[in-house]
Amino acid sequence: MRLAKLGADPARRPRTYDSGHYPAAMVIAIDGPAGAGKSSVARAVAGALGFVYLDSGAMYRCVALAAIERQADLDDDAAMGEVARSLAIRLDGGRVELDGSDVSAAIRRPQVSESASRVSVHPHVREAMVALQRRMIATGSFVAEGRDIGTVVSPESPLKVFLTASPQERARRRAAQTGEEEAVVLAAQRERDERDECREHSALRAAPDAVEIDTTGMALEVVVERVVELAGERGLT
């Protein structure tokens, strides 16, 4: 299988973001709502192709975590923008560092997840994070996942993928990750979807030229293989 062959090549392991490390920039954009499989797919595709994995959601979680620790008002756009601009965020494979500290586990706590949804709607926060993401991806070859990578962060990406799944499937996956009741996750998911789709800046939507993949009932390996095939068709491998 092509994916296995790519993954077996030690020269194609996921790499760390390090400014100036790469001679040319190339971005595969993977967008979609929570629970559609973006993180798992993007991480696996990056590993298969030897690209750097960029988890934009982790960056918004960092803003939320910092805001909670500083007891800032999560609903104040100006205050959240100030917090976002003050942060030093480093992504190293699956490790996330915030101002020099490993927060990989801390940003996955339910309170931080819920708060990230609130702070991510603010224009000043998105402006700061989009600017940081653009600086990162300008340095090399990335598989970047989020909600506005293909529409706002990197609209010139040669491959844009928009992952979807049924609400029930998405809730089931999230509940399996967090240990929460599926009904609770589904209710929170509806609220998150409404915020993401209706916000004024960087609303969740598929880019006009994105390839949409419904991952409902699909094994992770199958979705990853499809994205790797798309990358090959566009000469990105």
C-alpha atoms as a PDB file:
ATOM      1  CA  MET A   1       0.000   0.000   0.000  1.00  0.00           C
ATOM      2  CA  ARG A   2       1.362   3.374  -0.921  1.00  0.00           C
ATOM      3  CA  LEU A   3       0.768   4.880   2.491  1.00  0.00           C
ATOM      4  CA  ALA A   4       2.717   2.125   4.239  1.00  0.00           C
ATOM      5  CA  LYS A   5       5.599   2.644   1.843  1.00  0.00           C
ATOM      6  CA  LEU A   6       5.714   6.352   2.526  1.00  0.00           C
ATOM      7  CA  GLY A   7       5.436   5.907   6.274  1.00  0.00           C
ATOM      8  CA  ALA A   8       8.268   3.384   6.294  1.00  0.00           C
ATOM      9  CA  ASP A   9      10.779   5.860   4.897  1.00  0.00           C
ATOM     10  CA  PRO A  10      12.664   7.376   7.876  1.00  0.00           C
ATOM     11  CA  ALA A  11      13.434  10.463   5.813  1.00  0.00           C
ATOM     12  CA  ARG A  12       9.722  11.215   5.653  1.00  0.00           C
ATOM     13  CA  ARG A  13       8.929  11.500   9.358  1.00  0.00           C
ATOM     14  CA  PRO A  14       7.008  14.549  10.606  1.00  0.00           C
ATOM     15  CA  ARG A  15       9.306  17.463  11.242  1.00  0.00           C
ATOM     16  CA  THR A  16       9.391  20.228  13.791  1.00  0.00           C
ATOM     17  CA  TYR A  17       8.524  23.828  12.971  1.00  0.00           C
ATOM     18  CA  ASP A  18      11.832  25.674  12.868  1.00  0.00           C
ATOM     19  CA  SER A  19      11.989  28.961  10.996  1.00  0.00           C
ATOM     20  CA  GLY A  20      14.470  28.929   8.150  1.00  0.00           C
ATOM     21  CA  HIS A  21      14.687  25.109   8.026  1.00  0.00           C
ATOM     22  CA  TYR A  22      13.027  24.629   4.640  1.00  0.00           C
ATOM     23  CA  PRO A  23      13.933  26.057   1.235  1.00  0.00           C
ATOM     24  CA  ALA A  24      10.372  26.395  -0.074  1.00  0.00           C
ATOM     25  CA  ALA A  25       6.840  26.577   1.299  1.00  0.00           C
ATOM     26  CA  MET A  26       4.046  24.145   0.460  1.00  0.00           C
ATOM     27  CA  VAL A  27       0.781  23.720   2.341  1.00  0.00           C
ATOM     28  CA  ILE A  28      -1.870  21.027   2.328  1.00  0.00           C
ATOM     29  CA  ALA A  29      -4.923  22.592   3.981  1.00  0.00           C
ATOM     30  CA  ILE A  30      -7.340  20.366   5.899  1.00  0.00           C
ATOM     31  CA  ASP A  31     -10.423  22.079   7.303  1.00  0.00           C
ATOM     32  CA  GLY A  32     -13.679  20.960   8.848  1.00  0.00           C
ATOM     33  CA  PRO A  33     -15.797  21.010  12.000  1.00  0.00           C
ATOM     34  CA  ALA A  34     -14.820  19.445  15.335  1.00  0.00           C
ATOM     35  CA  GLY A  35     -14.945  15.661  15.297  1.00  0.00           C
ATOM     36  CA  ALA A  36     -14.598  15.314  11.529  1.00  0.00           C
ATOM     37  CA  GLY A  37     -11.162  13.741  11.953  1.00  0.00           C
ATOM     38  CA  LYS A  38      -8.954  16.700  10.994  1.00  0.00           C
ATOM     39  CA  SER A  39      -6.245  16.214  13.615  1.00  0.00           C
ATOM     40  CA  SER A  40      -5.831  12.466  13.165  1.00  0.00           C
ATOM     41  CA  VAL A  41      -5.872  12.709   9.382  1.00  0.00           C
ATOM     42  CA  ALA A  42      -3.559  15.719   9.163  1.00  0.00           C
ATOM     43  CA  ARG A  43      -1.038  14.187  11.564  1.00  0.00           C
ATOM     44  CA  ALA A  44      -0.983  10.906   9.626  1.00  0.00           C
ATOM     45  CA  VAL A  45      -0.718  12.630   6.247  1.00  0.00           C
ATOM     46  CA  ALA A  46       2.181  14.736   7.519  1.00  0.00           C
ATOM     47  CA  GLY A  47       3.907  11.589   8.700  1.00  0.00           C
ATOM     48  CA  ALA A  48       3.343   9.858   5.374  1.00  0.00           C
ATOM     49  CA  LEU A  49       4.671  12.746   3.311  1.00  0.00           C
ATOM     50  CA  GLY A  50       7.392  13.988   5.657  1.00  0.00           C
ATOM     51  CA  PHE A  51       5.678  17.355   6.053  1.00  0.00           C
ATOM     52  CA  VAL A  52       5.326  19.348   9.271  1.00  0.00           C
ATOM     53  CA  TYR A  53       1.991  18.999  11.055  1.00  0.00           C
ATOM     54  CA  LEU A  54       0.412  22.295  12.105  1.00  0.00           C
ATOM     55  CA  ASP A  55      -2.461  22.074  14.570  1.00  0.00           C
ATOM     56  CA  SER A  56      -4.069  25.512  14.432  1.00  0.00           C
ATOM     57  CA  GLY A  57      -6.637  24.468  17.023  1.00  0.00           C
ATOM     58  CA  ALA A  58      -3.850  23.962  19.556  1.00  0.00           C
ATOM     59  CA  MET A  59      -2.870  27.580  19.043  1.00  0.00           C
ATOM     60  CA  TYR A  60      -6.344  28.844  19.942  1.00  0.00           C
ATOM     61  CA  ARG A  61      -6.314  26.514  22.931  1.00  0.00           C
ATOM     62  CA  CYS A  62      -3.093  28.186  24.023  1.00  0.00           C
ATOM     63  CA  VAL A  63      -4.818  31.557  23.912  1.00  0.00           C
ATOM     64  CA  ALA A  64      -7.687  30.156  25.986  1.00  0.00           C
ATOM     65  CA  LEU A  65      -5.354  28.573  28.541  1.00  0.00           C
ATOM     66  CA  ALA A  66      -3.364  31.776  28.925  1.00  0.00           C
ATOM     67  CA  ALA A  67      -6.567  33.812  29.296  1.00  0.00           C
ATOM     68  CA  ILE A  68      -7.860  31.469  32.002  1.00  0.00           C
ATOM     69  CA  GLU A  69      -4.576  31.613  33.900  1.00  0.00           C
ATOM     70  CA  ARG A  70      -4.549  35.423  33.676  1.00  0.00           C
ATOM     71  CA  GLN A  71      -8.240  35.562  34.650  1.00  0.00           C
ATOM     72  CA  ALA A  72      -8.960  37.667  31.582  1.00  0.00           C
ATOM     73  CA  ASP A  73     -12.450  38.223  30.186  1.00  0.00           C
ATOM     74  CA  LEU A  74     -12.948  35.540  27.526  1.00  0.00           C
ATOM     75  CA  ASP A  75     -15.665  37.594  25.845  1.00  0.00           C
ATOM     76  CA  ASP A  76     -13.617  40.803  25.522  1.00  0.00           C
ATOM     77  CA  ASP A  77     -12.190  40.998  22.009  1.00  0.00           C
ATOM     78  CA  ALA A  78      -9.571  43.647  22.817  1.00  0.00           C
ATOM     79  CA  ALA A  79      -8.390  41.836  25.952  1.00  0.00           C
ATOM     80  CA  MET A  80      -8.199  38.496  24.160  1.00  0.00           C
ATOM     81  CA  GLY A  81      -6.316  40.067  21.285  1.00  0.00           C
ATOM     82  CA  GLU A  82      -3.761  41.450  23.714  1.00  0.00           C
ATOM     83  CA  VAL A  83      -3.336  38.009  25.263  1.00  0.00           C
ATOM     84  CA  ALA A  84      -2.956  36.364  21.839  1.00  0.00           C
ATOM     85  CA  ARG A  85      -0.313  38.818  20.666  1.00  0.00           C
ATOM     86  CA  SER A  86       1.740  38.352  23.840  1.00  0.00           C
ATOM     87  CA  LEU A  87       2.190  34.578  23.522  1.00  0.00           C
ATOM     88  CA  ALA A  88       5.172  32.552  22.365  1.00  0.00           C
ATOM     89  CA  ILE A  89       3.777  29.333  20.861  1.00  0.00           C
ATOM     90  CA  ARG A  90       5.936  26.484  19.595  1.00  0.00           C
ATOM     91  CA  LEU A  91       4.670  23.327  17.896  1.00  0.00           C
ATOM     92  CA  ASP A  92       6.990  20.326  17.945  1.00  0.00           C
ATOM     93  CA  GLY A  93       5.224  17.286  16.503  1.00  0.00           C
ATOM     94  CA  GLY A  94       2.621  16.422  19.146  1.00  0.00           C
ATOM     95  CA  ARG A  95       4.217  18.686  21.736  1.00  0.00           C
ATOM     96  CA  VAL A  96       2.834  22.186  22.280  1.00  0.00           C
ATOM     97  CA  GLU A  97       4.829  24.793  24.170  1.00  0.00           C
ATOM     98  CA  LEU A  98       3.379  28.021  25.520  1.00  0.00           C
ATOM     99  CA  ASP A  99       5.871  30.612  26.722  1.00  0.00           C
ATOM    100  CA  GLY A 100       8.474  27.879  27.164  1.00  0.00           C
ATOM    101  CA  SER A 101       6.258  25.402  29.052  1.00  0.00           C
ATOM    102  CA  ASP A 102       4.859  22.109  27.760  1.00  0.00           C
ATOM    103  CA  VAL A 103       1.062  22.538  27.704  1.00  0.00           C
ATOM    104  CA  SER A 104       0.269  19.581  25.438  1.00  0.00           C
ATOM    105  CA  ALA A 105      -2.004  17.997  28.055  1.00  0.00           C
ATOM    106  CA  ALA A 106      -3.272  21.181  29.692  1.00  0.00           C
ATOM    107  CA  ILE A 107      -4.796  22.576  26.502  1.00  0.00           C
ATOM    108  CA  ARG A 108      -6.900  19.417  26.072  1.00  0.00           C
ATOM    109  CA  ARG A 109      -8.835  19.874  29.303  1.00  0.00           C
ATOM    110  CA  PRO A 110     -12.611  20.327  28.784  1.00  0.00           C
ATOM    111  CA  GLN A 111     -12.580  23.823  30.301  1.00  0.00           C
ATOM    112  CA  VAL A 112      -9.871  24.932  27.890  1.00  0.00           C
ATOM    113  CA  SER A 113     -11.665  23.325  24.941  1.00  0.00           C
ATOM    114  CA  GLU A 114     -14.872  25.199  25.732  1.00  0.00           C
ATOM    115  CA  SER A 115     -12.968  28.442  26.303  1.00  0.00           C
ATOM    116  CA  ALA A 116     -11.064  28.050  23.030  1.00  0.00           C
ATOM    117  CA  SER A 117     -14.381  28.022  21.207  1.00  0.00           C
ATOM    118  CA  ARG A 118     -15.272  31.332  22.847  1.00  0.00           C
ATOM    119  CA  VAL A 119     -11.993  33.142  22.272  1.00  0.00           C
ATOM    120  CA  SER A 120     -11.626  31.954  18.682  1.00  0.00           C
ATOM    121  CA  VAL A 121     -14.590  34.071  17.534  1.00  0.00           C
ATOM    122  CA  HIS A 122     -12.786  37.326  18.344  1.00  0.00           C
ATOM    123  CA  PRO A 123     -11.374  39.185  15.315  1.00  0.00           C
ATOM    124  CA  HIS A 124      -8.250  40.336  17.185  1.00  0.00           C
ATOM    125  CA  VAL A 125      -7.473  36.793  18.288  1.00  0.00           C
ATOM    126  CA  ARG A 126      -7.922  35.378  14.805  1.00  0.00           C
ATOM    127  CA  GLU A 127      -5.844  38.181  13.315  1.00  0.00           C
ATOM    128  CA  ALA A 128      -2.959  37.367  15.677  1.00  0.00           C
ATOM    129  CA  MET A 129      -3.174  33.599  15.145  1.00  0.00           C
ATOM    130  CA  VAL A 130      -3.561  33.829  11.367  1.00  0.00           C
ATOM    131  CA  ALA A 131      -0.475  36.048  11.197  1.00  0.00           C
ATOM    132  CA  LEU A 132       1.495  33.519  13.273  1.00  0.00           C
ATOM    133  CA  GLN A 133       0.265  30.590  11.183  1.00  0.00           C
ATOM    134  CA  ARG A 134       1.263  32.356   7.971  1.00  0.00           C
ATOM    135  CA  ARG A 135       4.752  32.997   9.332  1.00  0.00           C
ATOM    136  CA  MET A 136       5.053  29.321  10.224  1.00  0.00           C
ATOM    137  CA  ILE A 137       3.863  27.863   6.933  1.00  0.00           C
ATOM    138  CA  ALA A 138       6.014  30.283   4.930  1.00  0.00           C
ATOM    139  CA  THR A 139       9.064  28.355   6.134  1.00  0.00           C
ATOM    140  CA  GLY A 140       8.432  24.952   4.587  1.00  0.00           C
ATOM    141  CA  SER A 141       6.109  22.067   3.763  1.00  0.00           C
ATOM    142  CA  PHE A 142       3.126  21.765   6.098  1.00  0.00           C
ATOM    143  CA  VAL A 143      -0.092  19.858   6.536  1.00  0.00           C
ATOM    144  CA  ALA A 144      -2.148  22.481   8.347  1.00  0.00           C
ATOM    145  CA  GLU A 145      -5.530  21.716   9.858  1.00  0.00           C
ATOM    146  CA  GLY A 146      -8.188  23.999  11.232  1.00  0.00           C
ATOM    147  CA  ARG A 147     -11.361  25.759  10.210  1.00  0.00           C
ATOM    148  CA  ASP A 148     -10.055  28.504   7.931  1.00  0.00           C
ATOM    149  CA  ILE A 149      -6.742  27.240   6.556  1.00  0.00           C
ATOM    150  CA  GLY A 150      -7.931  26.922   2.961  1.00  0.00           C
ATOM    151  CA  THR A 151     -10.115  30.035   3.005  1.00  0.00           C
ATOM    152  CA  VAL A 152      -8.096  32.558   5.037  1.00  0.00           C
ATOM    153  CA  VAL A 153      -4.678  31.352   6.198  1.00  0.00           C
ATOM    154  CA  SER A 154      -3.488  29.778   2.940  1.00  0.00           C
ATOM    155  CA  PRO A 155      -6.042  30.280   0.145  1.00  0.00           C
ATOM    156  CA  GLU A 156      -3.277  29.617  -2.416  1.00  0.00           C
ATOM    157  CA  SER A 157      -2.739  26.084  -1.084  1.00  0.00           C
ATOM    158  CA  PRO A 158      -2.373  23.572  -3.959  1.00  0.00           C
ATOM    159  CA  LEU A 159      -4.525  21.050  -2.085  1.00  0.00           C
ATOM    160  CA  LYS A 160      -7.480  21.929   0.097  1.00  0.00           C
ATOM    161  CA  VAL A 161      -9.492  19.213   1.815  1.00  0.00           C
ATOM    162  CA  PHE A 162     -12.702  19.755   3.769  1.00  0.00           C
ATOM    163  CA  LEU A 163     -13.603  16.880   6.085  1.00  0.00           C
ATOM    164  CA  THR A 164     -17.139  16.329   7.310  1.00  0.00           C
ATOM    165  CA  ALA A 165     -19.056  13.648   9.195  1.00  0.00           C
ATOM    166  CA  SER A 166     -22.565  13.240  10.557  1.00  0.00           C
ATOM    167  CA  PRO A 167     -23.252  15.095  13.835  1.00  0.00           C
ATOM    168  CA  GLN A 168     -23.753  11.785  15.620  1.00  0.00           C
ATOM    169  CA  GLU A 169     -20.469  10.374  14.335  1.00  0.00           C
ATOM    170  CA  ARG A 170     -18.586  13.491  15.324  1.00  0.00           C
ATOM    171  CA  ALA A 171     -20.083  13.472  18.803  1.00  0.00           C
ATOM    172  CA  ARG A 172     -19.268   9.794  19.251  1.00  0.00           C
ATOM    173  CA  ARG A 173     -15.641  10.372  18.337  1.00  0.00           C
ATOM    174  CA  ARG A 174     -15.294  13.352  20.642  1.00  0.00           C
ATOM    175  CA  ALA A 175     -16.956  11.536  23.534  1.00  0.00           C
ATOM    176  CA  ALA A 176     -14.540   8.647  23.079  1.00  0.00           C
ATOM    177  CA  GLN A 177     -11.649  11.096  23.357  1.00  0.00           C
ATOM    178  CA  THR A 178     -12.873  13.081  26.356  1.00  0.00           C
ATOM    179  CA  GLY A 179     -14.878  10.508  28.292  1.00  0.00           C
ATOM    180  CA  GLU A 180     -17.932  12.776  28.344  1.00  0.00           C
ATOM    181  CA  GLU A 181     -21.458  11.578  27.635  1.00  0.00           C
ATOM    182  CA  GLU A 182     -22.270  11.579  23.948  1.00  0.00           C
ATOM    183  CA  ALA A 183     -25.471  13.612  24.456  1.00  0.00           C
ATOM    184  CA  VAL A 184     -23.525  16.310  26.289  1.00  0.00           C
ATOM    185  CA  VAL A 185     -20.916  16.445  23.531  1.00  0.00           C
ATOM    186  CA  LEU A 186     -23.601  16.607  20.848  1.00  0.00           C
ATOM    187  CA  ALA A 187     -25.288  19.592  22.529  1.00  0.00           C
ATOM    188  CA  ALA A 188     -21.990  21.460  22.909  1.00  0.00           C
ATOM    189  CA  GLN A 189     -21.117  20.573  19.335  1.00  0.00           C
ATOM    190  CA  ARG A 190     -24.282  22.209  18.023  1.00  0.00           C
ATOM    191  CA  GLU A 191     -23.380  25.429  19.823  1.00  0.00           C
ATOM    192  CA  ARG A 192     -19.812  25.300  18.541  1.00  0.00           C
ATOM    193  CA  ASP A 193     -20.955  24.699  14.972  1.00  0.00           C
ATOM    194  CA  GLU A 194     -23.282  27.680  15.137  1.00  0.00           C
ATOM    195  CA  ARG A 195     -20.506  29.938  16.442  1.00  0.00           C
ATOM    196  CA  ASP A 196     -18.040  28.697  13.841  1.00  0.00           C
ATOM    197  CA  GLU A 197     -20.409  28.968  10.898  1.00  0.00           C
ATOM    198  CA  CYS A 198     -21.954  32.320  11.818  1.00  0.00           C
ATOM    199  CA  ARG A 199     -18.996  34.319  13.102  1.00  0.00           C
ATOM    200  CA  GLU A 200     -18.131  37.425  11.105  1.00  0.00           C
ATOM    201  CA  HIS A 201     -14.438  36.643  10.667  1.00  0.00           C
ATOM    202  CA  SER A 202     -13.030  33.372   9.310  1.00  0.00           C
ATOM    203  CA  ALA A 203     -16.350  31.534   9.356  1.00  0.00           C
ATOM    204  CA  LEU A 204     -16.222  27.760   8.937  1.00  0.00           C
ATOM    205  CA  ARG A 205     -16.860  26.900   5.305  1.00  0.00           C
ATOM    206  CA  ALA A 206     -15.273  24.882   2.542  1.00  0.00           C
ATOM    207  CA  ALA A 207     -13.107  26.714   0.025  1.00  0.00           C
ATOM    208  CA  PRO A 208     -14.662  26.713  -3.470  1.00  0.00           C
ATOM    209  CA  ASP A 209     -11.885  24.445  -4.766  1.00  0.00           C
ATOM    210  CA  ALA A 210     -11.694  22.157  -1.714  1.00  0.00           C
ATOM    211  CA  VAL A 211     -12.174  18.400  -2.046  1.00  0.00           C
ATOM    212  CA  GLU A 212     -14.916  17.421   0.411  1.00  0.00           C
ATOM    213  CA  ILE A 213     -14.664  14.036   2.122  1.00  0.00           C
ATOM    214  CA  ASP A 214     -17.437  12.686   4.342  1.00  0.00           C
ATOM    215  CA  THR A 215     -15.594  10.528   6.881  1.00  0.00           C
ATOM    216  CA  THR A 216     -18.714   8.997   8.437  1.00  0.00           C
ATOM    217  CA  GLY A 217     -18.054   5.295   8.873  1.00  0.00           C
ATOM    218  CA  MET A 218     -14.642   5.537   7.205  1.00  0.00           C
ATOM    219  CA  ALA A 219     -11.501   4.090   8.787  1.00  0.00           C
ATOM    220  CA  LEU A 220      -8.733   6.598   9.445  1.00  0.00           C
ATOM    221  CA  GLU A 221      -6.345   4.730   7.149  1.00  0.00           C
ATOM    222  CA  VAL A 222      -8.767   5.008   4.239  1.00  0.00           C
ATOM    223  CA  VAL A 223      -9.176   8.770   4.649  1.00  0.00           C
ATOM    224  CA  VAL A 224      -5.426   9.272   4.970  1.00  0.00           C
ATOM    225  CA  GLU A 225      -4.763   7.192   1.881  1.00  0.00           C
ATOM    226  CA  ARG A 226      -7.248   9.290  -0.081  1.00  0.00           C
ATOM    227  CA  VAL A 227      -5.578  12.566   0.945  1.00  0.00           C
ATOM    228  CA  VAL A 228      -2.122  11.175   0.140  1.00  0.00           C
ATOM    229  CA  GLU A 229      -3.440  10.136  -3.292  1.00  0.00           C
ATOM    230  CA  LEU A 230      -4.777  13.656  -3.848  1.00  0.00           C
ATOM    231  CA  ALA A 231      -1.394  15.075  -2.907  1.00  0.00           C
ATOM    232  CA  GLY A 232       0.251  12.748  -5.419  1.00  0.00           C
ATOM    233  CA  GLU A 233      -2.147  13.782  -8.151  1.00  0.00           C
ATOM    234  CA  ARG A 234      -1.095  17.383  -7.588  1.00  0.00           C
ATOM    235  CA  GLY A 235       2.604  16.574  -7.615  1.00  0.00           C
ATOM    236  CA  LEU A 236       3.103  17.280  -3.914  1.00  0.00           C
ATOM    237  CA  THR A 237       4.745  13.980  -2.963  1.00  0.00           C
END
